[in-house]
C-alpha atoms as a PDB file:
ATOM      1  CA  MET A   1     -25.125  64.495 -31.658  1.00  0.00           C
ATOM      2  CA  ALA A   2     -22.694  61.699 -31.824  1.00  0.00           C
ATOM      3  CA  THR A   3     -23.135  61.094 -28.079  1.00  0.00           C
ATOM      4  CA  ALA A   4     -27.016  61.307 -28.330  1.00  0.00           C
ATOM      5  CA  THR A   5     -26.361  58.670 -31.559  1.00  0.00           C
ATOM      6  CA  ASP A   6     -24.727  56.633 -29.259  1.00  0.00           C
ATOM      7  CA  LEU A   7     -27.397  56.448 -26.833  1.00  0.00           C
ATOM      8  CA  THR A   8     -30.189  55.438 -28.937  1.00  0.00           C
ATOM      9  CA  THR A   9     -28.229  53.447 -30.160  1.00  0.00           C
ATOM     10  CA  ARG A  10     -27.442  51.602 -26.938  1.00  0.00           C
ATOM     11  CA  VAL A  11     -30.935  51.988 -26.126  1.00  0.00           C
ATOM     12  CA  LEU A  12     -32.089  49.963 -28.837  1.00  0.00           C
ATOM     13  CA  ILE A  13     -29.766  47.260 -28.087  1.00  0.00           C
ATOM     14  CA  ALA A  14     -30.685  46.520 -24.623  1.00  0.00           C
ATOM     15  CA  LEU A  15     -34.135  46.780 -25.946  1.00  0.00           C
ATOM     16  CA  THR A  16     -33.409  44.461 -28.982  1.00  0.00           C
ATOM     17  CA  ALA A  17     -31.864  41.854 -26.227  1.00  0.00           C
ATOM     18  CA  ALA A  18     -34.674  42.069 -23.746  1.00  0.00           C
ATOM     19  CA  VAL A  19     -37.491  41.518 -26.817  1.00  0.00           C
ATOM     20  CA  TRP A  20     -34.936  38.407 -27.628  1.00  0.00           C
ATOM     21  CA  ALA A  21     -34.827  37.441 -23.871  1.00  0.00           C
ATOM     22  CA  MET A  22     -38.454  37.435 -23.628  1.00  0.00           C
ATOM     23  CA  VAL A  23     -38.674  35.541 -26.945  1.00  0.00           C
ATOM     24  CA  LEU A  24     -36.511  33.082 -25.428  1.00  0.00           C
ATOM     25  CA  PHE A  25     -38.155  33.023 -22.253  1.00  0.00           C
ATOM     26  CA  VAL A  26     -41.785  31.924 -24.263  1.00  0.00           C
ATOM     27  CA  ALA A  27     -40.297  29.571 -26.510  1.00  0.00           C
ATOM     28  CA  TYR A  28     -38.742  27.129 -23.294  1.00  0.00           C
ATOM     29  CA  ALA A  29     -42.118  27.483 -21.572  1.00  0.00           C
ATOM     30  CA  VAL A  30     -44.187  27.094 -24.191  1.00  0.00           C
ATOM     31  CA  LEU A  31     -41.688  23.588 -25.587  1.00  0.00           C
ATOM     32  CA  SER A  32     -40.606  22.222 -22.390  1.00  0.00           C
ATOM     33  CA  VAL A  33     -43.495  22.434 -19.647  1.00  0.00           C
ATOM     34  CA  PRO A  34     -46.313  21.161 -21.973  1.00  0.00           C
ATOM     35  CA  THR A  35     -44.025  18.491 -23.487  1.00  0.00           C
ATOM     36  CA  ALA A  36     -43.611  17.238 -19.553  1.00  0.00           C
ATOM     37  CA  SER A  37     -47.528  17.302 -18.702  1.00  0.00           C
ATOM     38  CA  VAL A  38     -47.842  15.377 -21.932  1.00  0.00           C
ATOM     39  CA  GLU A  39     -45.757  12.823 -21.513  1.00  0.00           C
ATOM     40  CA  GLU A  40     -46.661  12.400 -18.363  1.00  0.00           C
ATOM     41  CA  SER A  41     -50.338  12.591 -20.127  1.00  0.00           C
ATOM     42  CA  ALA A  42     -49.468  10.258 -22.113  1.00  0.00           C
ATOM     43  CA  ALA A  43     -47.836   7.347 -19.901  1.00  0.00           C
ATOM     44  CA  GLN A  44     -51.411   7.082 -18.375  1.00  0.00           C
ATOM     45  CA  VAL A  45     -53.560   6.886 -21.261  1.00  0.00           C
ATOM     46  CA  CYS A  46     -54.795   3.609 -22.844  1.00  0.00           C
ATOM     47  CA  ASP A  47     -56.767   2.175 -25.504  1.00  0.00           C
ATOM     48  CA  PRO A  48     -58.942  -0.852 -24.219  1.00  0.00           C
ATOM     49  CA  ARG A  49     -58.988  -2.446 -27.952  1.00  0.00           C
ATOM     50  CA  ARG A  50     -55.275  -3.332 -27.144  1.00  0.00           C
ATOM     51  CA  PRO A  51     -53.822  -5.764 -24.695  1.00  0.00           C
ATOM     52  CA  ASP A  52     -53.559  -4.742 -21.239  1.00  0.00           C
ATOM     53  CA  GLU A  53     -50.385  -5.569 -20.416  1.00  0.00           C
ATOM     54  CA  GLU A  54     -48.829  -4.455 -24.364  1.00  0.00           C
ATOM     55  CA  GLN A  55     -49.712  -0.804 -22.516  1.00  0.00           C
ATOM     56  CA  CYS A  56     -50.108  -0.790 -18.740  1.00  0.00           C
ATOM     57  CA  PRO A  57     -47.888  -1.595 -16.372  1.00  0.00           C
ATOM     58  CA  ASP A  58     -47.799  -4.500 -14.146  1.00  0.00           C
ATOM     59  CA  GLY A  59     -51.289  -4.466 -11.669  1.00  0.00           C
ATOM     60  CA  GLN A  60     -53.204  -1.919 -13.495  1.00  0.00           C
ATOM     61  CA  TRP A  61     -55.140  -1.897 -16.623  1.00  0.00           C
ATOM     62  CA  CYS A  62     -57.605  -0.363 -19.176  1.00  0.00           C
ATOM     63  CA  VAL A  63     -60.227   1.436 -17.176  1.00  0.00           C
ATOM     64  CA  HIS A  64     -61.862   4.297 -19.768  1.00  0.00           C
ATOM     65  CA  GLY A  65     -58.489   4.627 -21.286  1.00  0.00           C
ATOM     66  CA  GLN A  66     -56.628   5.018 -18.684  1.00  0.00           C
ATOM     67  CA  CYS A  67     -54.422   2.985 -16.770  1.00  0.00           C
ATOM     68  CA  THR A  68     -55.805   1.976 -13.266  1.00  0.00           C
ATOM     69  CA  PRO A  69     -54.323   0.029 -10.359  1.00  0.00           C
ATOM     70  CA  HIS A  70     -56.096  -3.122  -9.308  1.00  0.00           C
ATOM     71  CA  GLU A  71     -56.761  -3.420  -5.867  1.00  0.00           C
ATOM     72  CA  GLU A  72     -54.647  -6.168  -3.928  1.00  0.00           C
ATOM     73  CA  PRO A  73     -57.376  -8.619  -2.776  1.00  0.00           C
ATOM     74  CA  GLN A  74     -56.814  -9.739   1.165  1.00  0.00           C
ATOM     75  CA  VAL A  75     -55.967 -13.332   1.542  1.00  0.00           C
ATOM     76  CA  ALA A  76     -58.306 -15.694   4.072  1.00  0.00           C
ATOM     77  CA  GLN A  77     -56.965 -18.697   5.823  1.00  0.00           C
ATOM     78  CA  ARG A  78     -58.697 -21.955   6.803  1.00  0.00           C
ATOM     79  CA  GLY A  79     -62.117 -21.443   8.197  1.00  0.00           C
ATOM     80  CA  GLU A  80     -62.547 -17.830   7.072  1.00  0.00           C
ATOM     81  CA  GLN A  81     -64.998 -16.252   4.581  1.00  0.00           C
ATOM     82  CA  CYS A  82     -64.089 -16.277   1.653  1.00  0.00           C
ATOM     83  CA  ARG A  83     -66.796 -14.047  -0.218  1.00  0.00           C
ATOM     84  CA  ASP A  84     -65.187 -10.781  -0.205  1.00  0.00           C
ATOM     85  CA  CYS A  85     -61.220 -11.510  -0.786  1.00  0.00           C
ATOM     86  CA  PRO A  86     -59.356 -15.581  -2.203  1.00  0.00           C
ATOM     87  CA  CYS A  87     -58.079 -18.343   0.002  1.00  0.00           C
ATOM     88  CA  ASP A  88     -54.380 -18.833   0.655  1.00  0.00           C
ATOM     89  CA  VAL A  89     -52.059 -21.657  -0.986  1.00  0.00           C
ATOM     90  CA  GLY A  90     -53.300 -24.617  -0.039  1.00  0.00           C
ATOM     91  CA  LEU A  91     -56.838 -23.910   0.072  1.00  0.00           C
ATOM     92  CA  GLN A  92     -59.658 -23.472  -1.810  1.00  0.00           C
ATOM     93  CA  CYS A  93     -63.415 -21.526  -1.624  1.00  0.00           C
ATOM     94  CA  GLY A  94     -66.294 -24.228  -0.640  1.00  0.00           C
ATOM     95  CA  ALA A  95     -69.697 -23.652  -1.761  1.00  0.00           C
ATOM     96  CA  ASP A  96     -70.255 -23.090   2.127  1.00  0.00           C
ATOM     97  CA  LEU A  97     -68.385 -19.463   1.570  1.00  0.00           C
ATOM     98  CA  ARG A  98     -65.353 -20.724   3.716  1.00  0.00           C
ATOM     99  CA  CYS A  99     -61.596 -21.882   2.796  1.00  0.00           C
ATOM    100  CA  ARG A 100     -60.799 -25.407   2.872  1.00  0.00           C
ATOM    101  CA  PRO A 101     -57.924 -27.554   1.583  1.00  0.00           C
ATOM    102  CA  ARG A 102     -57.973 -28.874  -1.874  1.00  0.00           C
ATOM    103  CA  ASN A 103     -58.458 -32.186  -0.540  1.00  0.00           C
ATOM    104  CA  GLU A 104     -61.367 -32.098   1.720  1.00  0.00           C
ATOM    105  CA  PRO A 105     -64.862 -33.136   0.384  1.00  0.00           C
ATOM    106  CA  GLU A 106     -67.305 -30.262  -0.477  1.00  0.00           C
ATOM    107  CA  PRO A 107     -70.378 -29.995   2.084  1.00  0.00           C
ATOM    108  CA  PRO A 108     -73.666 -30.339   0.094  1.00  0.00           C
ATOM    109  CA  ALA A 109     -74.955 -27.282  -1.917  1.00  0.00           C
ATOM    110  CA  PRO A 110     -77.023 -24.990  -0.536  1.00  0.00           C
ATOM    111  CA  THR A 111     -81.106 -25.512  -0.653  1.00  0.00           C
ATOM    112  CA  CYS A 112     -83.371 -22.986   0.008  1.00  0.00           C
ATOM    113  CA  GLY A 113     -83.563 -24.856   3.652  1.00  0.00           C
ATOM    114  CA  ASP A 114     -79.774 -24.134   3.932  1.00  0.00           C
ATOM    115  CA  PRO A 115     -78.696 -21.976   6.825  1.00  0.00           C
ATOM    116  CA  ALA A 116     -76.690 -19.967   4.200  1.00  0.00           C
ATOM    117  CA  VAL A 117     -79.140 -19.304   2.487  1.00  0.00           C
ATOM    118  CA  GLU A 118     -81.860 -18.542   4.783  1.00  0.00           C
ATOM    119  CA  ALA A 119     -79.516 -15.884   6.298  1.00  0.00           C
ATOM    120  CA  ALA A 120     -78.875 -14.387   3.466  1.00  0.00           C
ATOM    121  CA  VAL A 121     -82.764 -14.448   1.986  1.00  0.00           C
ATOM    122  CA  ALA A 122     -83.157 -13.192   5.760  1.00  0.00           C
ATOM    123  CA  ARG A 123     -79.955 -10.297   5.084  1.00  0.00           C
ATOM    124  CA  LEU A 124     -81.577  -9.098   1.876  1.00  0.00           C
ATOM    125  CA  THR A 125     -85.419  -8.848   3.315  1.00  0.00           C
ATOM    126  CA  GLN A 126     -84.243  -6.888   5.955  1.00  0.00           C
ATOM    127  CA  ALA A 127     -82.145  -4.295   3.824  1.00  0.00           C
ATOM    128  CA  CYS A 128     -85.595  -4.114   1.470  1.00  0.00           C
ATOM    129  CA  LEU A 129     -87.334  -3.110   5.133  1.00  0.00           C
ATOM    130  CA  GLN A 130     -85.004  -0.654   5.553  1.00  0.00           C
ATOM    131  CA  ARG A 131     -85.244   1.126   2.183  1.00  0.00           C
ATOM    132  CA  ARG A 132     -89.426   1.198   2.899  1.00  0.00           C
ATOM    133  CA  THR A 133     -89.628   3.938   4.656  1.00  0.00           C
ATOM    134  CA  SER A 134     -92.537   5.572   3.345  1.00  0.00           C
ATOM    135  CA  VAL A 135     -95.814   5.514   6.208  1.00  0.00           C
ATOM    136  CA  GLN A 136     -97.942   3.481   3.334  1.00  0.00           C
ATOM    137  CA  ASP A 137     -94.421   1.353   3.398  1.00  0.00           C
ATOM    138  CA  ARG A 138     -94.889   0.491   7.437  1.00  0.00           C
ATOM    139  CA  VAL A 139     -98.314   0.215   7.094  1.00  0.00           C
ATOM    140  CA  GLU A 140     -98.859  -1.833   4.693  1.00  0.00           C
ATOM    141  CA  GLY A 141     -95.599  -4.045   5.904  1.00  0.00           C
ATOM    142  CA  GLY A 142     -95.430  -7.103   3.632  1.00  0.00           C
ATOM    143  CA  GLU A 143     -95.395  -6.908  -0.022  1.00  0.00           C
ATOM    144  CA  GLY A 144     -91.214  -6.526   0.402  1.00  0.00           C
ATOM    145  CA  CYS A 145     -89.770  -4.352  -2.238  1.00  0.00           C
ATOM    146  CA  SER A 146     -90.155  -3.153  -5.724  1.00  0.00           C
ATOM    147  CA  ALA A 147     -88.281  -3.806  -8.482  1.00  0.00           C
ATOM    148  CA  ASP A 148     -86.699  -0.039  -8.498  1.00  0.00           C
ATOM    149  CA  GLU A 149     -86.454  -0.189  -5.124  1.00  0.00           C
ATOM    150  CA  TRP A 150     -84.109  -3.497  -5.169  1.00  0.00           C
ATOM    151  CA  ARG A 151     -82.190  -1.668  -7.822  1.00  0.00           C
ATOM    152  CA  ALA A 152     -81.578   0.691  -5.314  1.00  0.00           C
ATOM    153  CA  LEU A 153     -79.959  -1.196  -3.258  1.00  0.00           C
ATOM    154  CA  LEU A 154     -78.245  -3.469  -5.752  1.00  0.00           C
ATOM    155  CA  ALA A 155     -76.702   0.408  -6.639  1.00  0.00           C
ATOM    156  CA  ASP A 156     -75.923   1.836  -2.958  1.00  0.00           C
ATOM    157  CA  ASP A 157     -75.684  -1.539  -0.812  1.00  0.00           C
ATOM    158  CA  ASP A 158     -71.999  -3.126  -1.223  1.00  0.00           C
ATOM    159  CA  GLU A 159     -73.583  -6.488   0.699  1.00  0.00           C
ATOM    160  CA  MET A 160     -75.824  -6.415  -2.065  1.00  0.00           C
ATOM    161  CA  ASN A 161     -73.464  -7.987  -4.584  1.00  0.00           C
ATOM    162  CA  SER A 162     -71.788 -10.557  -2.206  1.00  0.00           C
ATOM    163  CA  LEU A 163     -75.107 -11.998  -0.419  1.00  0.00           C
ATOM    164  CA  LEU A 164     -76.641 -12.944  -3.476  1.00  0.00           C
ATOM    165  CA  ALA A 165     -73.202 -15.068  -4.281  1.00  0.00           C
ATOM    166  CA  ALA A 166     -75.242 -17.618  -1.515  1.00  0.00           C
ATOM    167  CA  PHE A 167     -77.384 -18.796  -4.326  1.00  0.00           C
ATOM    168  CA  PRO A 168     -76.710 -22.294  -5.844  1.00  0.00           C
ATOM    169  CA  ASP A 169     -78.588 -21.757  -9.144  1.00  0.00           C
ATOM    170  CA  ARG A 170     -76.693 -18.827 -10.382  1.00  0.00           C
ATOM    171  CA  LEU A 171     -75.768 -18.265 -13.541  1.00  0.00           C
ATOM    172  CA  ALA A 172     -73.431 -16.285 -16.117  1.00  0.00           C
ATOM    173  CA  VAL A 173     -74.390 -15.764 -19.857  1.00  0.00           C
ATOM    174  CA  TYR A 174     -71.090 -13.734 -21.316  1.00  0.00           C
ATOM    175  CA  PHE A 175     -70.906 -11.942 -24.508  1.00  0.00           C
ATOM    176  CA  PRO A 176     -68.359 -10.559 -26.789  1.00  0.00           C
ATOM    177  CA  SER A 177     -67.066  -7.451 -26.819  1.00  0.00           C
ATOM    178  CA  GLY A 178     -69.130  -4.511 -28.037  1.00  0.00           C
ATOM    179  CA  GLU A 179     -72.938  -6.967 -28.627  1.00  0.00           C
ATOM    180  CA  PRO A 180     -75.103  -6.557 -28.302  1.00  0.00           C
ATOM    181  CA  ARG A 181     -74.729  -3.104 -30.738  1.00  0.00           C
ATOM    182  CA  ALA A 182     -77.905  -0.819 -30.302  1.00  0.00           C
ATOM    183  CA  ARG A 183     -80.786  -1.408 -32.849  1.00  0.00           C
ATOM    184  CA  GLN A 184     -79.263  -4.004 -34.634  1.00  0.00           C
ATOM    185  CA  PRO A 185     -80.920  -7.766 -34.426  1.00  0.00           C
ATOM    186  CA  TRP A 186     -78.639 -10.623 -31.978  1.00  0.00           C
ATOM    187  CA  PRO A 187     -77.711 -13.151 -31.444  1.00  0.00           C
ATOM    188  CA  ASP A 188     -77.707 -14.964 -34.959  1.00  0.00           C
ATOM    189  CA  ALA A 189     -80.374 -18.038 -35.385  1.00  0.00           C
ATOM    190  CA  SER A 190     -77.413 -20.833 -34.400  1.00  0.00           C
ATOM    191  CA  THR A 191     -76.340 -18.709 -31.478  1.00  0.00           C
ATOM    192  CA  ARG A 192     -79.510 -18.079 -29.907  1.00  0.00           C
ATOM    193  CA  ALA A 193     -80.669 -21.562 -29.713  1.00  0.00           C
ATOM    194  CA  HIS A 194     -78.027 -22.663 -28.839  1.00  0.00           C
ATOM    195  CA  ILE A 195     -78.495 -20.237 -25.850  1.00  0.00           C
ATOM    196  CA  VAL A 196     -81.981 -20.695 -24.994  1.00  0.00           C
ATOM    197  CA  GLY A 197     -80.959 -24.527 -24.983  1.00  0.00           C
ATOM    198  CA  GLU A 198     -78.447 -23.869 -21.986  1.00  0.00           C
ATOM    199  CA  LEU A 199     -80.716 -21.667 -20.394  1.00  0.00           C
ATOM    200  CA  ALA A 200     -83.433 -24.664 -21.124  1.00  0.00           C
ATOM    201  CA  SER A 201     -81.630 -26.718 -19.067  1.00  0.00           C
ATOM    202  CA  HIS A 202     -82.274 -24.407 -15.676  1.00  0.00           C
ATOM    203  CA  ALA A 203     -85.936 -23.493 -16.347  1.00  0.00           C
ATOM    204  CA  LYS A 204     -86.855 -25.403 -13.411  1.00  0.00           C
ATOM    205  CA  ALA A 205     -84.708 -22.947 -11.085  1.00  0.00           C
ATOM    206  CA  LEU A 206     -85.839 -20.118 -13.231  1.00  0.00           C
ATOM    207  CA  ARG A 207     -89.453 -20.595 -13.182  1.00  0.00           C
ATOM    208  CA  ASP A 208     -89.449 -21.552  -9.350  1.00  0.00           C
ATOM    209  CA  ALA A 209     -87.664 -18.483  -7.629  1.00  0.00           C
ATOM    210  CA  LYS A 210     -89.433 -16.057  -6.124  1.00  0.00           C
ATOM    211  CA  MET A 211     -87.387 -13.391  -7.704  1.00  0.00           C
ATOM    212  CA  LEU A 212     -85.072 -13.438 -10.292  1.00  0.00           C
ATOM    213  CA  PHE A 213     -81.957 -10.562 -10.441  1.00  0.00           C
ATOM    214  CA  VAL A 214     -80.441 -10.236 -13.646  1.00  0.00           C
ATOM    215  CA  ILE A 215     -77.447  -8.129 -13.404  1.00  0.00           C
ATOM    216  CA  GLY A 216     -75.426  -7.134 -16.528  1.00  0.00           C
ATOM    217  CA  ARG A 217     -71.792  -5.968 -17.074  1.00  0.00           C
ATOM    218  CA  SER A 218     -69.697  -4.398 -19.471  1.00  0.00           C
ATOM    219  CA  SER A 219     -65.723  -3.892 -19.697  1.00  0.00           C
ATOM    220  CA  PRO A 220     -64.637  -0.276 -19.128  1.00  0.00           C
ATOM    221  CA  ASP A 221     -63.606  -0.107 -23.052  1.00  0.00           C
ATOM    222  CA  GLY A 222     -65.852   3.555 -24.183  1.00  0.00           C
ATOM    223  CA  SER A 223     -67.187   6.121 -22.197  1.00  0.00           C
ATOM    224  CA  PRO A 224     -69.255   4.963 -19.080  1.00  0.00           C
ATOM    225  CA  THR A 225     -72.412   6.324 -20.440  1.00  0.00           C
ATOM    226  CA  ASP A 226     -72.658   3.905 -23.276  1.00  0.00           C
ATOM    227  CA  ASP A 227     -70.799   1.568 -21.542  1.00  0.00           C
ATOM    228  CA  HIS A 228     -73.903   1.263 -19.550  1.00  0.00           C
ATOM    229  CA  ALA A 229     -76.178   1.593 -22.688  1.00  0.00           C
ATOM    230  CA  LEU A 230     -74.535  -1.477 -23.373  1.00  0.00           C
ATOM    231  CA  ALA A 231     -74.490  -3.783 -19.763  1.00  0.00           C
ATOM    232  CA  LEU A 232     -78.696  -2.494 -20.180  1.00  0.00           C
ATOM    233  CA  ARG A 233     -79.054  -3.608 -23.452  1.00  0.00           C
ATOM    234  CA  ARG A 234     -77.257  -7.145 -22.645  1.00  0.00           C
ATOM    235  CA  ILE A 235     -79.616  -7.425 -19.643  1.00  0.00           C
ATOM    236  CA  ASN A 236     -83.143  -7.053 -22.508  1.00  0.00           C
ATOM    237  CA  ALA A 237     -81.347  -9.685 -24.200  1.00  0.00           C
ATOM    238  CA  VAL A 238     -80.542 -11.783 -21.652  1.00  0.00           C
ATOM    239  CA  GLU A 239     -84.352 -11.380 -21.044  1.00  0.00           C
ATOM    240  CA  ARG A 240     -85.608 -12.494 -24.315  1.00  0.00           C
ATOM    241  CA  LEU A 241     -83.492 -15.201 -24.248  1.00  0.00           C
ATOM    242  CA  ILE A 242     -85.482 -16.570 -21.156  1.00  0.00           C
ATOM    243  CA  ASP A 243     -88.666 -16.191 -22.041  1.00  0.00           C
ATOM    244  CA  GLN A 244     -88.043 -18.334 -25.227  1.00  0.00           C
ATOM    245  CA  ALA A 245     -85.798 -21.133 -22.993  1.00  0.00           C
ATOM    246  CA  LEU A 246     -89.451 -21.344 -20.187  1.00  0.00           C
ATOM    247  CA  GLY A 247     -91.974 -21.133 -23.658  1.00  0.00           C
ATOM    248  CA  ARG A 248     -93.269 -17.565 -23.646  1.00  0.00           C
ATOM    249  CA  ASP A 249     -93.151 -15.714 -26.606  1.00  0.00           C
ATOM    250  CA  LYS A 250     -93.567 -12.376 -24.907  1.00  0.00           C
ATOM    251  CA  PRO A 251     -93.169 -10.301 -21.953  1.00  0.00           C
ATOM    252  CA  SER A 252     -96.617 -10.050 -21.162  1.00  0.00           C
ATOM    253  CA  GLU A 253     -96.903 -14.208 -20.766  1.00  0.00           C
ATOM    254  CA  ARG A 254     -94.451 -13.866 -17.449  1.00  0.00           C
ATOM    255  CA  GLY A 255     -97.762 -13.982 -15.132  1.00  0.00           C
ATOM    256  CA  GLN A 256     -96.746 -15.081 -11.534  1.00  0.00           C
ATOM    257  CA  GLY A 257     -93.293 -15.875 -12.123  1.00  0.00           C
ATOM    258  CA  PRO A 258     -90.486 -14.501 -10.192  1.00  0.00           C
ATOM    259  CA  MET A 259     -90.422 -10.861 -10.047  1.00  0.00           C
ATOM    260  CA  LEU A 260     -87.712  -9.489 -12.559  1.00  0.00           C
ATOM    261  CA  ILE A 261     -85.183  -7.318 -11.331  1.00  0.00           C
ATOM    262  CA  GLY A 262     -82.525  -5.895 -14.673  1.00  0.00           C
ATOM    263  CA  TRP A 263     -79.630  -3.855 -13.410  1.00  0.00           C
ATOM    264  CA  GLY A 264     -76.429  -2.305 -14.990  1.00  0.00           C
ATOM    265  CA  ALA A 265     -73.856  -2.382 -12.981  1.00  0.00           C
ATOM    266  CA  PRO A 266     -71.494   0.384 -13.704  1.00  0.00           C
ATOM    267  CA  SER A 267     -67.932   0.109 -15.723  1.00  0.00           C
ATOM    268  CA  ASP A 268     -66.054   1.947 -13.608  1.00  0.00           C
ATOM    269  CA  ARG A 269     -65.758  -0.556 -10.928  1.00  0.00           C
ATOM    270  CA  PRO A 270     -65.031  -3.186 -12.668  1.00  0.00           C
ATOM    271  CA  VAL A 271     -65.429  -7.298 -10.807  1.00  0.00           C
ATOM    272  CA  ALA A 272     -61.862  -8.584 -10.483  1.00  0.00           C
ATOM    273  CA  LEU A 273     -60.965 -12.251 -11.881  1.00  0.00           C
ATOM    274  CA  GLU A 274     -60.953 -13.778  -8.227  1.00  0.00           C
ATOM    275  CA  ALA A 275     -63.846 -12.224  -6.918  1.00  0.00           C
ATOM    276  CA  PHE A 276     -65.401 -13.319 -10.223  1.00  0.00           C
ATOM    277  CA  VAL A 277     -64.415 -16.999  -9.902  1.00  0.00           C
ATOM    278  CA  ARG A 278     -65.652 -16.722  -6.179  1.00  0.00           C
ATOM    279  CA  ASN A 279     -68.810 -15.156  -5.904  1.00  0.00           C
ATOM    280  CA  TYR A 280     -70.394 -15.491  -9.148  1.00  0.00           C
ATOM    281  CA  ALA A 281     -69.000 -17.955 -11.890  1.00  0.00           C
ATOM    282  CA  GLY A 282     -70.759 -21.176  -9.162  1.00  0.00           C
ATOM    283  CA  THR A 283     -71.173 -24.418  -9.891  1.00  0.00           C
ATOM    284  CA  GLN A 284     -72.733 -24.098 -13.174  1.00  0.00           C
ATOM    285  CA  THR A 285     -70.934 -24.427 -16.597  1.00  0.00           C
ATOM    286  CA  PRO A 286     -70.373 -20.758 -17.879  1.00  0.00           C
ATOM    287  CA  ILE A 287     -73.097 -20.272 -20.513  1.00  0.00           C
ATOM    288  CA  ALA A 288     -71.009 -18.509 -23.750  1.00  0.00           C
ATOM    289  CA  THR A 289     -72.438 -17.939 -27.330  1.00  0.00           C
ATOM    290  CA  THR A 290     -70.313 -21.092 -28.793  1.00  0.00           C
ATOM    291  CA  ARG A 291     -70.087 -24.387 -26.830  1.00  0.00           C
ATOM    292  CA  GLU A 292     -66.167 -23.991 -27.179  1.00  0.00           C
ATOM    293  CA  GLY A 293     -66.118 -20.383 -25.601  1.00  0.00           C
ATOM    294  CA  SER A 294     -68.710 -22.130 -22.672  1.00  0.00           C
ATOM    295  CA  GLU A 295     -65.046 -24.739 -22.306  1.00  0.00           C
ATOM    296  CA  ARG A 296     -62.760 -22.499 -22.487  1.00  0.00           C
ATOM    297  CA  LEU A 297     -64.710 -20.313 -19.258  1.00  0.00           C
ATOM    298  CA  ALA A 298     -65.018 -22.806 -17.154  1.00  0.00           C
ATOM    299  CA  ALA A 299     -61.413 -24.277 -17.907  1.00  0.00           C
ATOM    300  CA  ALA A 300     -59.435 -21.172 -17.100  1.00  0.00           C
ATOM    301  CA  PHE A 301     -62.413 -20.645 -14.247  1.00  0.00           C
ATOM    302  CA  ALA A 302     -60.866 -23.908 -12.646  1.00  0.00           C
ATOM    303  CA  ALA A 303     -57.531 -22.874 -13.200  1.00  0.00           C
ATOM    304  CA  VAL A 304     -58.124 -20.050 -10.958  1.00  0.00           C
ATOM    305  CA  ARG A 305     -59.726 -21.938  -8.422  1.00  0.00           C
ATOM    306  CA  ALA A 306     -56.417 -24.356  -8.562  1.00  0.00           C
ATOM    307  CA  GLY A 307     -54.134 -21.489  -8.068  1.00  0.00           C
ATOM    308  CA  GLU A 308     -52.966 -22.109 -11.690  1.00  0.00           C
ATOM    309  CA  PRO A 309     -51.370 -19.540 -13.932  1.00  0.00           C
ATOM    310  CA  ILE A 310     -53.951 -17.750 -16.349  1.00  0.00           C
ATOM    311  CA  PRO A 311     -52.056 -17.507 -19.528  1.00  0.00           C
ATOM    312  CA  ALA A 312     -54.496 -14.929 -21.103  1.00  0.00           C
ATOM    313  CA  ARG A 313     -55.685 -13.325 -17.763  1.00  0.00           C
ATOM    314  CA  ARG A 314     -56.107  -9.927 -18.875  1.00  0.00           C
ATOM    315  CA  SER A 315     -58.407 -10.791 -21.741  1.00  0.00           C
ATOM    316  CA  LEU A 316     -60.109 -13.469 -18.925  1.00  0.00           C
ATOM    317  CA  GLU A 317     -60.601 -10.078 -17.090  1.00  0.00           C
ATOM    318  CA  ARG A 318     -62.320  -8.146 -19.651  1.00  0.00           C
ATOM    319  CA  ASP A 319     -64.979 -11.815 -20.480  1.00  0.00           C
ATOM    320  CA  VAL A 320     -65.995 -11.805 -17.112  1.00  0.00           C
ATOM    321  CA  ASN A 321     -66.797  -8.042 -16.944  1.00  0.00           C
ATOM    322  CA  ARG A 322     -68.750  -8.933 -20.763  1.00  0.00           C
ATOM    323  CA  VAL A 323     -71.599 -10.926 -18.323  1.00  0.00           C
ATOM    324  CA  VAL A 324     -75.240 -11.307 -17.793  1.00  0.00           C
ATOM    325  CA  LEU A 325     -75.419 -12.262 -14.275  1.00  0.00           C
ATOM    326  CA  VAL A 326     -78.935 -14.825 -13.836  1.00  0.00           C
ATOM    327  CA  ILE A 327     -79.477 -15.258 -10.020  1.00  0.00           C
ATOM    328  CA  PRO A 328     -82.334 -17.035  -9.597  1.00  0.00           C
ATOM    329  CA  VAL A 329     -83.528 -16.635  -5.366  1.00  0.00           C
ATOM    330  CA  PRO A 330     -85.394 -19.530  -4.203  1.00  0.00           C
ATOM    331  CA  CYS A 331     -86.694 -18.330  -0.972  1.00  0.00           C
ATOM    332  CA  ALA A 332     -89.675 -16.010  -0.190  1.00  0.00           C
ATOM    333  CA  GLY A 333     -87.879 -12.220   0.396  1.00  0.00           C
ATOM    334  CA  THR A 334     -90.984 -10.419   2.142  1.00  0.00           C
ATOM    335  CA  LYS A 335     -91.656  -9.774   5.379  1.00  0.00           C
ATOM    336  CA  GLU A 336     -94.182 -12.244   7.140  1.00  0.00           C
ATOM    337  CA  LYS A 337     -97.576 -11.091   8.310  1.00  0.00           C
ATOM    338  CA  PRO A 338     -98.315 -11.016  12.378  1.00  0.00           C
END
């Protein structure tokens, strides 16, 4: 009987030890492995409402709640195109989109008869005709693309944005973070008067354009869906402000004016600061909600062009993605009929 009792005791002790071993193993798995995963995940998480430099490593910024690397741009040398990359030290990107020494005089601004503008219009026309592939389109052949077809080109053709940078009268309207909000009026009366006055100074280019691209951007502060909706609200706001600047009381009065092509750029592909200054800022004064804001942006863009340090660089990168680009195309982009 004693022997049986000892055997039972030893079995119970072994089972108890096995159970404790399993408990300790499970505790280790729960406490150590998930913790490592959380720490690894937490290192990538960021809050777009806070400055990027406070939460992301150098060379990264906050995109949809995760620290994302900036792509390093290539550097162009003298005489090389600077449409898609910055110029080397001591050079600046000229109006012809080629690098030149800083003290070298700028060539005249391109006009509708300028080869660079005509080349861009020809490429736009070619892209349009390639998009129009239906039998009816091929038969008619001379009506150009519809607004929807141009939007599809903007979404699918990486060259489109660089082509639009060839047009000298392009404007940029800058928005505060989160504005305009859904179903809320924007802007207030004084801000509206300021922006309308700035747009009115470009009334001739806006009215005489053959096409008017209106491209909305939003910084990656929320979900992609919310960011896109914000970009579309910005487009609608600027289109209404343009109507007022041109003396139109409502959209139905646009009549025989230029085709209006509005497109919301995806926020998961934010434009880099140097690329924005090179391709979009142009020579026109930035249009912010206040004159002081416009002067601040103009000074910052001048510093970028000069290769000088930008104290509030991360904030400026957000600003250039809270914008609506207005690009008047001065020449017809349709196929001529024989």
